[in-house]
Amino acid sequence: MNPDVPAKTVPELIALAKAQPNKLNYASGGNGSPLHLVGELFKMVTKTDIQHVPYKGSSPAAAAVIGGEAQMVFGGVVSTIPFVQSGRLRALAVTSPRRLDVIPDVPTLSELGVKGVEASSWYGLYAPAGTPAPVIEKLNGVMVSLAADKDYRDQLSKHGQEALASTPSELSEFTRQEFARWTKVIKTADIKPD
């Protein structure tokens, strides 16, 4: 959030957006980008009218908020933390399920009563259909071991990330759920590719 915006908390932001529909705007890394989708999900859940302003990447989006062209950005931790620490941006909340070690004083949206806007970047390891089960099991075992490695976990934590291990079937189910959730956001917001 640009520090000049009078809303200092998420409830204040929602109240401001409802009092002044279509007056606030949020920057994103472009139409259909993760930052855009999270912004639209936030609008859907909070029933607010906040205008989307696409930029050509997350860094230009953050720069637009710092420069006052936009009031807020749903930014990635790595790209926004230096600006929060320097006071050029104000962090109101994180969209992760839990607070982040790198910014422990920043609450989650869920803690603030905004349920259903959990959104985090995630990565999965996939193999071609038909890959033999023993190969899948071996790859999964390697990834589970990596996720348990303290040094690896510490490095991720410095960047606001965490390693989570799952089974291949859990990853498949998670992928299906994410696809359904974001498809709904895209259709509801009528997001079209550029």
N, C-alpha and C. Protein backbone atom coordinates (compact mmCIF):
# COMPACT_ATOMS: atom_id res chain seq x y z
N MET A 1 0.86 -1.17 0.00
CA MET A 1 0.00 0.00 0.00
C MET A 1 0.91 1.23 0.00
N ASN A 2 0.50 2.22 -0.77
CA ASN A 2 1.22 3.48 -0.73
C ASN A 2 0.98 4.11 0.65
N PRO A 3 2.04 4.53 1.34
CA PRO A 3 1.87 5.08 2.70
C PRO A 3 0.96 6.29 2.79
N ASP A 4 0.70 6.99 1.67
CA ASP A 4 -0.17 8.16 1.70
C ASP A 4 -1.66 7.81 1.72
N VAL A 5 -1.98 6.56 1.44
CA VAL A 5 -3.39 6.14 1.49
C VAL A 5 -3.82 6.14 2.95
N PRO A 6 -4.96 6.74 3.26
CA PRO A 6 -5.35 6.85 4.67
C PRO A 6 -5.66 5.53 5.37
N ALA A 7 -5.93 4.48 4.63
CA ALA A 7 -6.24 3.18 5.25
C ALA A 7 -4.97 2.57 5.81
N LYS A 8 -4.96 2.32 7.10
CA LYS A 8 -3.78 1.75 7.76
C LYS A 8 -3.94 0.27 8.05
N THR A 9 -5.16 -0.25 7.91
CA THR A 9 -5.45 -1.65 8.17
C THR A 9 -6.33 -2.20 7.04
N VAL A 10 -6.45 -3.50 6.98
CA VAL A 10 -7.32 -4.11 5.97
C VAL A 10 -8.78 -3.70 6.17
N PRO A 11 -9.32 -3.74 7.40
CA PRO A 11 -10.70 -3.27 7.57
C PRO A 11 -10.90 -1.81 7.12
N GLU A 12 -9.91 -0.96 7.38
CA GLU A 12 -9.99 0.43 6.92
C GLU A 12 -9.95 0.50 5.40
N LEU A 13 -9.13 -0.34 4.78
CA LEU A 13 -9.04 -0.38 3.32
C LEU A 13 -10.38 -0.80 2.71
N ILE A 14 -10.98 -1.83 3.26
CA ILE A 14 -12.27 -2.30 2.76
C ILE A 14 -13.33 -1.21 2.94
N ALA A 15 -13.34 -0.56 4.09
CA ALA A 15 -14.31 0.52 4.33
C ALA A 15 -14.10 1.66 3.35
N LEU A 16 -12.86 2.03 3.11
CA LEU A 16 -12.55 3.11 2.16
C LEU A 16 -13.00 2.73 0.76
N ALA A 17 -12.71 1.50 0.36
CA ALA A 17 -13.10 1.05 -0.99
C ALA A 17 -14.62 1.03 -1.14
N LYS A 18 -15.34 0.66 -0.10
CA LYS A 18 -16.80 0.64 -0.17
C LYS A 18 -17.39 2.05 -0.15
N ALA A 19 -16.73 2.96 0.57
CA ALA A 19 -17.20 4.34 0.64
C ALA A 19 -16.93 5.09 -0.67
N GLN A 20 -15.88 4.66 -1.39
CA GLN A 20 -15.49 5.33 -2.63
C GLN A 20 -15.31 4.30 -3.75
N PRO A 21 -16.42 3.69 -4.22
CA PRO A 21 -16.29 2.66 -5.25
C PRO A 21 -15.55 3.17 -6.49
N ASN A 22 -14.68 2.34 -7.01
CA ASN A 22 -13.90 2.61 -8.22
C ASN A 22 -12.93 3.79 -8.10
N LYS A 23 -12.67 4.27 -6.90
CA LYS A 23 -11.71 5.36 -6.72
C LYS A 23 -10.31 4.82 -6.44
N LEU A 24 -10.23 3.72 -5.73
CA LEU A 24 -8.92 3.11 -5.45
C LEU A 24 -8.53 2.22 -6.62
N ASN A 25 -7.23 2.04 -6.79
CA ASN A 25 -6.78 1.11 -7.81
C ASN A 25 -5.61 0.30 -7.29
N TYR A 26 -5.42 -0.85 -7.93
CA TYR A 26 -4.30 -1.70 -7.57
C TYR A 26 -3.50 -2.03 -8.82
N ALA A 27 -2.20 -2.04 -8.66
CA ALA A 27 -1.29 -2.35 -9.75
C ALA A 27 -1.04 -3.85 -9.79
N SER A 28 -0.82 -4.36 -10.99
CA SER A 28 -0.46 -5.77 -11.12
C SER A 28 0.63 -5.89 -12.17
N GLY A 29 1.18 -7.09 -12.28
CA GLY A 29 2.21 -7.37 -13.28
C GLY A 29 1.65 -7.62 -14.65
N GLY A 30 0.38 -7.31 -14.89
CA GLY A 30 -0.24 -7.46 -16.20
C GLY A 30 -1.52 -8.26 -16.12
N ASN A 31 -2.33 -8.16 -17.17
CA ASN A 31 -3.59 -8.89 -17.23
C ASN A 31 -3.35 -10.39 -17.13
N GLY A 32 -4.06 -11.03 -16.21
CA GLY A 32 -3.94 -12.46 -16.02
C GLY A 32 -2.75 -12.90 -15.19
N SER A 33 -1.95 -11.96 -14.72
CA SER A 33 -0.80 -12.31 -13.88
C SER A 33 -1.29 -12.74 -12.50
N PRO A 34 -0.44 -13.45 -11.76
CA PRO A 34 -0.86 -13.84 -10.40
C PRO A 34 -1.31 -12.65 -9.54
N LEU A 35 -0.62 -11.51 -9.66
CA LEU A 35 -0.99 -10.34 -8.87
C LEU A 35 -2.39 -9.85 -9.26
N HIS A 36 -2.71 -9.93 -10.53
CA HIS A 36 -4.04 -9.54 -11.00
C HIS A 36 -5.10 -10.48 -10.43
N LEU A 37 -4.85 -11.79 -10.51
CA LEU A 37 -5.82 -12.76 -10.02
C LEU A 37 -6.08 -12.61 -8.53
N VAL A 38 -5.03 -12.38 -7.75
CA VAL A 38 -5.21 -12.20 -6.30
C VAL A 38 -6.03 -10.93 -6.03
N GLY A 39 -5.74 -9.87 -6.77
CA GLY A 39 -6.53 -8.64 -6.61
C GLY A 39 -8.00 -8.86 -6.90
N GLU A 40 -8.29 -9.61 -7.95
CA GLU A 40 -9.68 -9.89 -8.29
C GLU A 40 -10.35 -10.79 -7.26
N LEU A 41 -9.60 -11.75 -6.73
CA LEU A 41 -10.14 -12.60 -5.66
C LEU A 41 -10.46 -11.76 -4.43
N PHE A 42 -9.57 -10.84 -4.08
CA PHE A 42 -9.80 -9.94 -2.95
C PHE A 42 -11.08 -9.14 -3.16
N LYS A 43 -11.25 -8.60 -4.36
CA LYS A 43 -12.46 -7.83 -4.67
C LYS A 43 -13.71 -8.68 -4.55
N MET A 44 -13.64 -9.92 -5.05
CA MET A 44 -14.80 -10.81 -4.99
C MET A 44 -15.20 -11.11 -3.54
N VAL A 45 -14.21 -11.44 -2.73
CA VAL A 45 -14.48 -11.83 -1.34
C VAL A 45 -14.96 -10.64 -0.51
N THR A 46 -14.35 -9.47 -0.73
CA THR A 46 -14.69 -8.29 0.09
C THR A 46 -15.84 -7.47 -0.50
N LYS A 47 -16.27 -7.85 -1.69
CA LYS A 47 -17.35 -7.12 -2.38
C LYS A 47 -17.03 -5.63 -2.51
N THR A 48 -15.82 -5.38 -3.02
CA THR A 48 -15.37 -4.00 -3.23
C THR A 48 -15.13 -3.76 -4.72
N ASP A 49 -15.20 -2.50 -5.11
CA ASP A 49 -14.90 -2.10 -6.49
C ASP A 49 -13.60 -1.32 -6.48
N ILE A 50 -12.52 -2.03 -6.78
CA ILE A 50 -11.19 -1.44 -6.86
C ILE A 50 -10.70 -1.67 -8.28
N GLN A 51 -10.20 -0.64 -8.90
CA GLN A 51 -9.80 -0.71 -10.31
C GLN A 51 -8.44 -1.39 -10.48
N HIS A 52 -8.34 -2.21 -11.49
CA HIS A 52 -7.09 -2.89 -11.84
C HIS A 52 -6.32 -2.04 -12.84
N VAL A 53 -5.01 -1.86 -12.57
CA VAL A 53 -4.12 -1.15 -13.48
C VAL A 53 -2.96 -2.08 -13.79
N PRO A 54 -2.93 -2.64 -15.00
CA PRO A 54 -1.85 -3.58 -15.35
C PRO A 54 -0.56 -2.86 -15.73
N TYR A 55 0.54 -3.41 -15.27
CA TYR A 55 1.87 -2.94 -15.65
C TYR A 55 2.61 -4.10 -16.30
N LYS A 56 3.77 -3.85 -16.81
CA LYS A 56 4.55 -4.89 -17.49
C LYS A 56 5.52 -5.54 -16.53
N GLY A 57 4.98 -6.22 -15.53
CA GLY A 57 5.80 -6.92 -14.55
C GLY A 57 5.53 -6.45 -13.14
N SER A 58 5.96 -7.27 -12.17
CA SER A 58 5.70 -6.95 -10.76
C SER A 58 6.56 -5.79 -10.27
N SER A 59 7.78 -5.66 -10.77
CA SER A 59 8.62 -4.53 -10.34
C SER A 59 8.03 -3.19 -10.79
N PRO A 60 7.61 -3.05 -12.06
CA PRO A 60 6.95 -1.79 -12.43
C PRO A 60 5.66 -1.54 -11.65
N ALA A 61 4.95 -2.61 -11.29
CA ALA A 61 3.72 -2.45 -10.50
C ALA A 61 4.06 -1.88 -9.12
N ALA A 62 5.08 -2.44 -8.47
CA ALA A 62 5.50 -1.93 -7.16
C ALA A 62 5.98 -0.49 -7.28
N ALA A 63 6.72 -0.20 -8.33
CA ALA A 63 7.23 1.17 -8.55
C ALA A 63 6.06 2.15 -8.73
N ALA A 64 5.00 1.70 -9.39
CA ALA A 64 3.84 2.56 -9.60
C ALA A 64 3.18 2.92 -8.27
N VAL A 65 3.13 1.96 -7.35
CA VAL A 65 2.54 2.23 -6.05
C VAL A 65 3.45 3.16 -5.24
N ILE A 66 4.74 2.90 -5.29
CA ILE A 66 5.70 3.77 -4.58
C ILE A 66 5.61 5.19 -5.11
N GLY A 67 5.45 5.33 -6.43
CA GLY A 67 5.38 6.65 -7.05
C GLY A 67 4.01 7.31 -6.99
N GLY A 68 3.01 6.62 -6.44
CA GLY A 68 1.69 7.21 -6.29
C GLY A 68 0.78 7.07 -7.50
N GLU A 69 1.19 6.35 -8.54
CA GLU A 69 0.31 6.13 -9.70
C GLU A 69 -0.84 5.18 -9.36
N ALA A 70 -0.60 4.28 -8.43
CA ALA A 70 -1.60 3.33 -7.95
C ALA A 70 -1.53 3.34 -6.43
N GLN A 71 -2.61 2.94 -5.79
CA GLN A 71 -2.63 2.97 -4.33
C GLN A 71 -2.10 1.70 -3.69
N MET A 72 -2.25 0.57 -4.38
CA MET A 72 -1.82 -0.67 -3.74
C MET A 72 -1.42 -1.71 -4.77
N VAL A 73 -0.76 -2.75 -4.24
CA VAL A 73 -0.32 -3.87 -5.07
C VAL A 73 -0.40 -5.12 -4.22
N PHE A 74 -0.84 -6.21 -4.83
CA PHE A 74 -0.77 -7.51 -4.18
C PHE A 74 0.56 -8.10 -4.65
N GLY A 75 1.63 -7.76 -3.95
CA GLY A 75 2.97 -8.07 -4.42
C GLY A 75 3.57 -9.29 -3.80
N GLY A 76 4.55 -9.83 -4.49
CA GLY A 76 5.32 -10.94 -3.95
C GLY A 76 6.21 -10.48 -2.81
N VAL A 77 6.45 -11.36 -1.89
CA VAL A 77 7.23 -11.02 -0.70
C VAL A 77 8.63 -10.55 -1.08
N VAL A 78 9.31 -11.31 -1.91
CA VAL A 78 10.70 -10.99 -2.25
C VAL A 78 10.80 -9.60 -2.89
N SER A 79 9.86 -9.27 -3.77
CA SER A 79 9.96 -7.99 -4.49
C SER A 79 9.48 -6.80 -3.67
N THR A 80 8.68 -7.02 -2.63
CA THR A 80 8.15 -5.88 -1.89
C THR A 80 8.77 -5.66 -0.51
N ILE A 81 9.33 -6.68 0.09
CA ILE A 81 9.88 -6.54 1.44
C ILE A 81 10.89 -5.39 1.57
N PRO A 82 11.83 -5.23 0.65
CA PRO A 82 12.77 -4.10 0.81
C PRO A 82 12.05 -2.75 0.87
N PHE A 83 10.96 -2.60 0.12
CA PHE A 83 10.22 -1.35 0.13
C PHE A 83 9.41 -1.18 1.41
N VAL A 84 8.92 -2.28 1.96
CA VAL A 84 8.21 -2.23 3.24
C VAL A 84 9.21 -1.86 4.34
N GLN A 85 10.38 -2.49 4.32
CA GLN A 85 11.38 -2.22 5.35
C GLN A 85 11.90 -0.79 5.29
N SER A 86 11.94 -0.19 4.09
CA SER A 86 12.41 1.19 3.96
C SER A 86 11.30 2.21 4.18
N GLY A 87 10.04 1.75 4.35
CA GLY A 87 8.92 2.65 4.58
C GLY A 87 8.30 3.19 3.30
N ARG A 88 8.73 2.72 2.16
CA ARG A 88 8.17 3.21 0.89
C ARG A 88 6.85 2.51 0.54
N LEU A 89 6.59 1.36 1.15
CA LEU A 89 5.32 0.66 1.04
C LEU A 89 4.88 0.26 2.44
N ARG A 90 3.56 0.14 2.63
CA ARG A 90 3.02 -0.32 3.91
C ARG A 90 2.39 -1.69 3.69
N ALA A 91 2.83 -2.68 4.45
CA ALA A 91 2.26 -4.03 4.36
C ALA A 91 1.06 -4.09 5.29
N LEU A 92 -0.10 -4.44 4.73
CA LEU A 92 -1.30 -4.57 5.55
C LEU A 92 -1.56 -6.00 5.97
N ALA A 93 -1.25 -6.95 5.08
CA ALA A 93 -1.52 -8.36 5.37
C ALA A 93 -0.79 -9.23 4.35
N VAL A 94 -0.69 -10.50 4.68
CA VAL A 94 -0.17 -11.48 3.73
C VAL A 94 -1.33 -12.41 3.34
N THR A 95 -1.24 -12.97 2.14
CA THR A 95 -2.30 -13.85 1.66
C THR A 95 -1.99 -15.32 1.93
N SER A 96 -0.88 -15.59 2.59
CA SER A 96 -0.51 -16.96 2.92
C SER A 96 -1.38 -17.49 4.06
N PRO A 97 -1.42 -18.82 4.23
CA PRO A 97 -2.23 -19.38 5.33
C PRO A 97 -1.69 -19.04 6.71
N ARG A 98 -0.38 -18.80 6.79
CA ARG A 98 0.27 -18.48 8.07
C ARG A 98 1.13 -17.23 7.90
N ARG A 99 1.42 -16.57 9.02
CA ARG A 99 2.35 -15.43 8.97
C ARG A 99 3.69 -15.92 8.45
N LEU A 100 4.44 -15.00 7.86
CA LEU A 100 5.74 -15.34 7.31
C LEU A 100 6.85 -14.97 8.27
N ASP A 101 7.84 -15.85 8.40
CA ASP A 101 8.96 -15.60 9.30
C ASP A 101 9.70 -14.31 8.97
N VAL A 102 9.76 -13.96 7.69
CA VAL A 102 10.51 -12.79 7.27
C VAL A 102 9.81 -11.48 7.65
N ILE A 103 8.48 -11.52 7.84
CA ILE A 103 7.70 -10.35 8.30
C ILE A 103 6.67 -10.83 9.32
N PRO A 104 7.12 -11.27 10.49
CA PRO A 104 6.21 -11.90 11.46
C PRO A 104 5.14 -10.99 12.04
N ASP A 105 5.32 -9.68 11.98
CA ASP A 105 4.34 -8.76 12.54
C ASP A 105 3.18 -8.47 11.59
N VAL A 106 3.28 -8.94 10.36
CA VAL A 106 2.22 -8.69 9.38
C VAL A 106 1.22 -9.85 9.44
N PRO A 107 -0.04 -9.55 9.78
CA PRO A 107 -1.04 -10.62 9.92
C PRO A 107 -1.48 -11.19 8.58
N THR A 108 -2.12 -12.33 8.64
CA THR A 108 -2.73 -12.90 7.43
C THR A 108 -4.09 -12.25 7.22
N LEU A 109 -4.57 -12.28 5.99
CA LEU A 109 -5.92 -11.77 5.73
C LEU A 109 -6.94 -12.55 6.54
N SER A 110 -6.72 -13.84 6.66
CA SER A 110 -7.65 -14.69 7.41
C SER A 110 -7.75 -14.24 8.87
N GLU A 111 -6.60 -13.92 9.47
CA GLU A 111 -6.60 -13.43 10.85
C GLU A 111 -7.45 -12.17 10.99
N LEU A 112 -7.48 -11.38 9.93
CA LEU A 112 -8.20 -10.11 9.95
C LEU A 112 -9.66 -10.26 9.55
N GLY A 113 -10.11 -11.50 9.39
CA GLY A 113 -11.51 -11.75 9.08
C GLY A 113 -11.83 -11.85 7.60
N VAL A 114 -10.82 -11.72 6.75
CA VAL A 114 -11.05 -11.85 5.30
C VAL A 114 -10.70 -13.28 4.92
N LYS A 115 -11.71 -14.12 4.91
CA LYS A 115 -11.52 -15.55 4.64
C LYS A 115 -11.67 -15.82 3.14
N GLY A 116 -10.83 -16.73 2.64
CA GLY A 116 -10.97 -17.15 1.24
C GLY A 116 -10.06 -16.45 0.27
N VAL A 117 -9.12 -15.65 0.77
CA VAL A 117 -8.17 -14.98 -0.12
C VAL A 117 -6.77 -15.52 0.13
N GLU A 118 -6.69 -16.79 0.46
CA GLU A 118 -5.37 -17.40 0.61
C GLU A 118 -4.80 -17.63 -0.79
N ALA A 119 -3.61 -17.11 -1.00
CA ALA A 119 -2.97 -17.28 -2.30
C ALA A 119 -1.46 -17.21 -2.09
N SER A 120 -0.79 -18.23 -2.52
CA SER A 120 0.66 -18.29 -2.42
C SER A 120 1.21 -18.87 -3.71
N SER A 121 2.40 -18.45 -4.04
CA SER A 121 3.09 -19.10 -5.16
C SER A 121 3.47 -20.49 -4.73
N TRP A 122 3.35 -21.43 -5.62
CA TRP A 122 3.73 -22.80 -5.27
C TRP A 122 4.32 -23.47 -6.50
N TYR A 123 5.08 -24.48 -6.25
CA TYR A 123 5.73 -25.24 -7.31
C TYR A 123 5.51 -26.71 -7.06
N GLY A 124 5.34 -27.46 -8.12
CA GLY A 124 5.20 -28.90 -8.02
C GLY A 124 6.11 -29.54 -9.05
N LEU A 125 6.50 -30.76 -8.79
CA LEU A 125 7.32 -31.51 -9.74
C LEU A 125 6.41 -32.50 -10.44
N TYR A 126 6.33 -32.40 -11.75
CA TYR A 126 5.46 -33.24 -12.55
C TYR A 126 6.30 -34.10 -13.49
N ALA A 127 5.74 -35.23 -13.87
CA ALA A 127 6.39 -36.14 -14.83
C ALA A 127 5.36 -36.47 -15.91
N PRO A 128 5.83 -36.91 -17.07
CA PRO A 128 4.89 -37.26 -18.14
C PRO A 128 3.93 -38.38 -17.70
N ALA A 129 2.71 -38.32 -18.23
CA ALA A 129 1.75 -39.40 -17.97
C ALA A 129 2.37 -40.72 -18.41
N GLY A 130 2.13 -41.75 -17.62
CA GLY A 130 2.68 -43.06 -17.96
C GLY A 130 4.05 -43.33 -17.38
N THR A 131 4.62 -42.36 -16.65
CA THR A 131 5.91 -42.61 -16.00
C THR A 131 5.72 -43.75 -14.99
N PRO A 132 6.61 -44.73 -15.00
CA PRO A 132 6.46 -45.88 -14.10
C PRO A 132 6.38 -45.45 -12.63
N ALA A 133 5.53 -46.11 -11.87
CA ALA A 133 5.31 -45.80 -10.46
C ALA A 133 6.60 -45.78 -9.64
N PRO A 134 7.55 -46.73 -9.84
CA PRO A 134 8.79 -46.66 -9.06
C PRO A 134 9.59 -45.38 -9.30
N VAL A 135 9.53 -44.86 -10.51
CA VAL A 135 10.24 -43.61 -10.82
C VAL A 135 9.56 -42.45 -10.09
N ILE A 136 8.24 -42.43 -10.13
CA ILE A 136 7.48 -41.38 -9.42
C ILE A 136 7.78 -41.44 -7.92
N GLU A 137 7.79 -42.64 -7.36
CA GLU A 137 8.07 -42.81 -5.92
C GLU A 137 9.47 -42.32 -5.58
N LYS A 138 10.45 -42.62 -6.44
CA LYS A 138 11.83 -42.19 -6.17
C LYS A 138 11.93 -40.67 -6.23
N LEU A 139 11.32 -40.05 -7.26
CA LEU A 139 11.34 -38.58 -7.37
C LEU A 139 10.65 -37.95 -6.16
N ASN A 140 9.53 -38.52 -5.75
CA ASN A 140 8.82 -37.99 -4.59
C ASN A 140 9.67 -38.11 -3.34
N GLY A 141 10.36 -39.23 -3.17
CA GLY A 141 11.23 -39.40 -2.01
C GLY A 141 12.34 -38.37 -1.96
N VAL A 142 12.93 -38.06 -3.12
CA VAL A 142 13.98 -37.04 -3.18
C VAL A 142 13.40 -35.68 -2.78
N MET A 143 12.22 -35.34 -3.28
CA MET A 143 11.61 -34.05 -2.97
C MET A 143 11.21 -33.95 -1.49
N VAL A 144 10.72 -35.04 -0.93
CA VAL A 144 10.36 -35.05 0.49
C VAL A 144 11.62 -34.85 1.34
N SER A 145 12.72 -35.49 0.96
CA SER A 145 13.99 -35.31 1.69
C SER A 145 14.48 -33.88 1.60
N LEU A 146 14.38 -33.29 0.40
CA LEU A 146 14.81 -31.91 0.21
C LEU A 146 13.95 -30.97 1.07
N ALA A 147 12.66 -31.20 1.09
CA ALA A 147 11.76 -30.34 1.87
C ALA A 147 12.05 -30.42 3.36
N ALA A 148 12.64 -31.51 3.81
CA ALA A 148 12.97 -31.68 5.24
C ALA A 148 14.35 -31.13 5.59
N ASP A 149 15.16 -30.78 4.59
CA ASP A 149 16.52 -30.31 4.83
C ASP A 149 16.51 -28.93 5.49
N LYS A 150 17.14 -28.82 6.65
CA LYS A 150 17.11 -27.56 7.41
C LYS A 150 17.73 -26.41 6.65
N ASP A 151 18.88 -26.61 6.01
CA ASP A 151 19.51 -25.52 5.26
C ASP A 151 18.62 -25.02 4.14
N TYR A 152 18.01 -25.95 3.44
CA TYR A 152 17.10 -25.59 2.35
C TYR A 152 15.91 -24.80 2.88
N ARG A 153 15.34 -25.28 3.98
CA ARG A 153 14.19 -24.60 4.57
C ARG A 153 14.57 -23.20 5.06
N ASP A 154 15.76 -23.07 5.64
CA ASP A 154 16.21 -21.76 6.11
C ASP A 154 16.38 -20.78 4.96
N GLN A 155 16.93 -21.25 3.84
CA GLN A 155 17.10 -20.38 2.68
C GLN A 155 15.75 -19.92 2.13
N LEU A 156 14.80 -20.83 2.07
CA LEU A 156 13.46 -20.47 1.59
C LEU A 156 12.80 -19.46 2.53
N SER A 157 12.95 -19.68 3.81
CA SER A 157 12.32 -18.81 4.81
C SER A 157 12.78 -17.36 4.68
N LYS A 158 14.04 -17.16 4.32
CA LYS A 158 14.57 -15.81 4.14
C LYS A 158 13.84 -15.05 3.05
N HIS A 159 13.20 -15.79 2.16
CA HIS A 159 12.49 -15.18 1.03
C HIS A 159 10.98 -15.32 1.17
N GLY A 160 10.52 -15.60 2.39
CA GLY A 160 9.09 -15.70 2.64
C GLY A 160 8.46 -16.95 2.06
N GLN A 161 9.25 -18.00 1.87
CA GLN A 161 8.74 -19.24 1.31
C GLN A 161 8.95 -20.38 2.29
N GLU A 162 8.23 -21.47 2.07
CA GLU A 162 8.44 -22.66 2.89
C GLU A 162 8.31 -23.90 2.01
N ALA A 163 8.99 -24.93 2.43
CA ALA A 163 8.95 -26.20 1.69
C ALA A 163 7.89 -27.09 2.30
N LEU A 164 6.98 -27.54 1.47
CA LEU A 164 5.94 -28.47 1.90
C LEU A 164 6.03 -29.71 1.03
N ALA A 165 5.99 -30.85 1.64
CA ALA A 165 6.04 -32.10 0.89
C ALA A 165 4.65 -32.71 0.85
N SER A 166 4.39 -33.44 -0.21
CA SER A 166 3.11 -34.13 -0.33
C SER A 166 3.32 -35.41 -1.11
N THR A 167 2.26 -36.17 -1.22
CA THR A 167 2.31 -37.37 -2.05
C THR A 167 1.89 -36.97 -3.46
N PRO A 168 2.20 -37.80 -4.46
CA PRO A 168 1.74 -37.49 -5.81
C PRO A 168 0.23 -37.31 -5.90
N SER A 169 -0.53 -38.12 -5.20
CA SER A 169 -2.00 -37.97 -5.27
C SER A 169 -2.45 -36.67 -4.59
N GLU A 170 -1.79 -36.27 -3.51
CA GLU A 170 -2.14 -35.00 -2.87
C GLU A 170 -1.84 -33.83 -3.80
N LEU A 171 -0.71 -33.88 -4.50
CA LEU A 171 -0.38 -32.82 -5.45
C LEU A 171 -1.40 -32.77 -6.58
N SER A 172 -1.83 -33.93 -7.07
CA SER A 172 -2.84 -33.96 -8.13
C SER A 172 -4.14 -33.32 -7.66
N GLU A 173 -4.57 -33.66 -6.46
CA GLU A 173 -5.81 -33.09 -5.93
C GLU A 173 -5.67 -31.59 -5.70
N PHE A 174 -4.54 -31.15 -5.16
CA PHE A 174 -4.29 -29.73 -4.94
C PHE A 174 -4.32 -28.98 -6.27
N THR A 175 -3.70 -29.54 -7.29
CA THR A 175 -3.68 -28.92 -8.61
C THR A 175 -5.10 -28.77 -9.15
N ARG A 176 -5.92 -29.79 -9.01
CA ARG A 176 -7.32 -29.72 -9.46
C ARG A 176 -8.08 -28.61 -8.72
N GLN A 177 -7.87 -28.52 -7.41
CA GLN A 177 -8.56 -27.49 -6.63
C GLN A 177 -8.11 -26.08 -7.04
N GLU A 178 -6.81 -25.90 -7.23
CA GLU A 178 -6.30 -24.60 -7.65
C GLU A 178 -6.84 -24.22 -9.03
N PHE A 179 -6.87 -25.18 -9.95
CA PHE A 179 -7.39 -24.92 -11.28
C PHE A 179 -8.84 -24.45 -11.20
N ALA A 180 -9.65 -25.14 -10.41
CA ALA A 180 -11.06 -24.78 -10.27
C ALA A 180 -11.21 -23.40 -9.63
N ARG A 181 -10.44 -23.12 -8.61
CA ARG A 181 -10.55 -21.83 -7.91
C ARG A 181 -10.19 -20.67 -8.82
N TRP A 182 -9.07 -20.78 -9.51
CA TRP A 182 -8.63 -19.66 -10.34
C TRP A 182 -9.44 -19.55 -11.62
N THR A 183 -9.99 -20.66 -12.10
CA THR A 183 -10.89 -20.59 -13.25
C THR A 183 -12.12 -19.76 -12.88
N LYS A 184 -12.64 -19.96 -11.67
CA LYS A 184 -13.80 -19.19 -11.21
C LYS A 184 -13.47 -17.70 -11.15
N VAL A 185 -12.29 -17.36 -10.62
CA VAL A 185 -11.89 -15.94 -10.54
C VAL A 185 -11.79 -15.35 -11.94
N ILE A 186 -11.15 -16.07 -12.85
CA ILE A 186 -10.97 -15.57 -14.22
C ILE A 186 -12.32 -15.36 -14.90
N LYS A 187 -13.24 -16.30 -14.74
CA LYS A 187 -14.56 -16.16 -15.37
C LYS A 187 -15.38 -15.05 -14.72
N THR A 188 -15.36 -14.98 -13.39
CA THR A 188 -16.14 -13.96 -12.68
C THR A 188 -15.65 -12.55 -13.03
N ALA A 189 -14.34 -12.38 -13.07
CA ALA A 189 -13.75 -11.07 -13.38
C ALA A 189 -13.67 -10.80 -14.88
N ASP A 190 -14.03 -11.80 -15.69
CA ASP A 190 -13.98 -11.69 -17.14
C ASP A 190 -12.58 -11.26 -17.63
N ILE A 191 -11.58 -11.96 -17.12
CA ILE A 191 -10.19 -11.65 -17.48
C ILE A 191 -9.90 -12.27 -18.84
N LYS A 192 -9.39 -11.44 -19.73
CA LYS A 192 -9.04 -11.87 -21.09
C LYS A 192 -7.54 -11.69 -21.30
N PRO A 193 -6.91 -12.59 -22.03
CA PRO A 193 -5.47 -12.42 -22.31
C PRO A 193 -5.24 -11.23 -23.23
N ASP A 194 -4.10 -10.62 -23.09
CA ASP A 194 -3.73 -9.51 -23.99
C ASP A 194 -3.21 -10.04 -25.30
